[in-house]
Amino acid sequence: MKRILAVVMLSLFTLSLLSGCNTMRGAGEDIEEGGEAIQRSTY
């Protein structure tokens, strides 16, 4: 179940990154948020 959640979160993060960030700062924030979401899903 955790693996599925991690895949879903990574997919959402990727879509968000591709569609939402127009600057390097925005990309860095998106990557950080995605990493934190994956970390939270593994607890």
C-alpha atoms as a PDB file:
ATOM      1  CA  MET A   1       0.000   0.000   0.000  1.00  0.00           C
ATOM      2  CA  LYS A   2       2.823   2.409   0.860  1.00  0.00           C
ATOM      3  CA  ARG A   3       4.475   1.650  -2.463  1.00  0.00           C
ATOM      4  CA  ILE A   4       1.292   2.507  -4.360  1.00  0.00           C
ATOM      5  CA  LEU A   5       0.928   5.744  -2.405  1.00  0.00           C
ATOM      6  CA  ALA A   6       4.535   6.677  -3.157  1.00  0.00           C
ATOM      7  CA  VAL A   7       4.004   6.042  -6.879  1.00  0.00           C
ATOM      8  CA  VAL A   8       0.824   8.129  -6.878  1.00  0.00           C
ATOM      9  CA  MET A   9       2.548  10.968  -5.035  1.00  0.00           C
ATOM     10  CA  LEU A  10       5.507  10.853  -7.398  1.00  0.00           C
ATOM     11  CA  SER A  11       3.177  10.932 -10.403  1.00  0.00           C
ATOM     12  CA  LEU A  12       1.269  13.916  -9.025  1.00  0.00           C
ATOM     13  CA  PHE A  13       4.528  15.659  -8.239  1.00  0.00           C
ATOM     14  CA  THR A  14       5.788  15.079 -11.781  1.00  0.00           C
ATOM     15  CA  LEU A  15       2.603  16.455 -13.309  1.00  0.00           C
ATOM     16  CA  SER A  16       2.769  19.445 -10.988  1.00  0.00           C
ATOM     17  CA  LEU A  17       6.388  20.069 -11.889  1.00  0.00           C
ATOM     18  CA  LEU A  18       5.727  19.906 -15.614  1.00  0.00           C
ATOM     19  CA  SER A  19       2.659  22.113 -15.559  1.00  0.00           C
ATOM     20  CA  GLY A  20       3.174  24.549 -12.727  1.00  0.00           C
ATOM     21  CA  CYS A  21       6.687  25.857 -12.301  1.00  0.00           C
ATOM     22  CA  ASN A  22       8.052  28.561 -14.553  1.00  0.00           C
ATOM     23  CA  THR A  23      11.225  29.375 -12.661  1.00  0.00           C
ATOM     24  CA  MET A  24      14.124  27.453 -11.159  1.00  0.00           C
ATOM     25  CA  ARG A  25      13.035  28.590  -7.696  1.00  0.00           C
ATOM     26  CA  GLY A  26       9.556  27.188  -8.319  1.00  0.00           C
ATOM     27  CA  ALA A  27      11.056  23.926  -9.562  1.00  0.00           C
ATOM     28  CA  GLY A  28      13.177  23.628  -6.428  1.00  0.00           C
ATOM     29  CA  GLU A  29      10.167  24.197  -4.199  1.00  0.00           C
ATOM     30  CA  ASP A  30       8.138  21.621  -6.128  1.00  0.00           C
ATOM     31  CA  ILE A  31      10.923  19.055  -5.870  1.00  0.00           C
ATOM     32  CA  GLU A  32      11.268  19.679  -2.144  1.00  0.00           C
ATOM     33  CA  GLU A  33       7.517  19.318  -1.573  1.00  0.00           C
ATOM     34  CA  GLY A  34       7.450  16.094  -3.566  1.00  0.00           C
ATOM     35  CA  GLY A  35      10.341  14.666  -1.563  1.00  0.00           C
ATOM     36  CA  GLU A  36       8.651  15.559   1.704  1.00  0.00           C
ATOM     37  CA  ALA A  37       5.403  13.920   0.569  1.00  0.00           C
ATOM     38  CA  ILE A  38       7.265  10.725  -0.285  1.00  0.00           C
ATOM     39  CA  GLN A  39       9.010  10.780   3.089  1.00  0.00           C
ATOM     40  CA  ARG A  40       5.684  11.223   4.884  1.00  0.00           C
ATOM     41  CA  SER A  41       4.175   8.306   2.958  1.00  0.00           C
ATOM     42  CA  THR A  42       6.912   5.915   4.115  1.00  0.00           C
ATOM     43  CA  TYR A  43       6.244   6.369   7.854  1.00  0.00           C
END
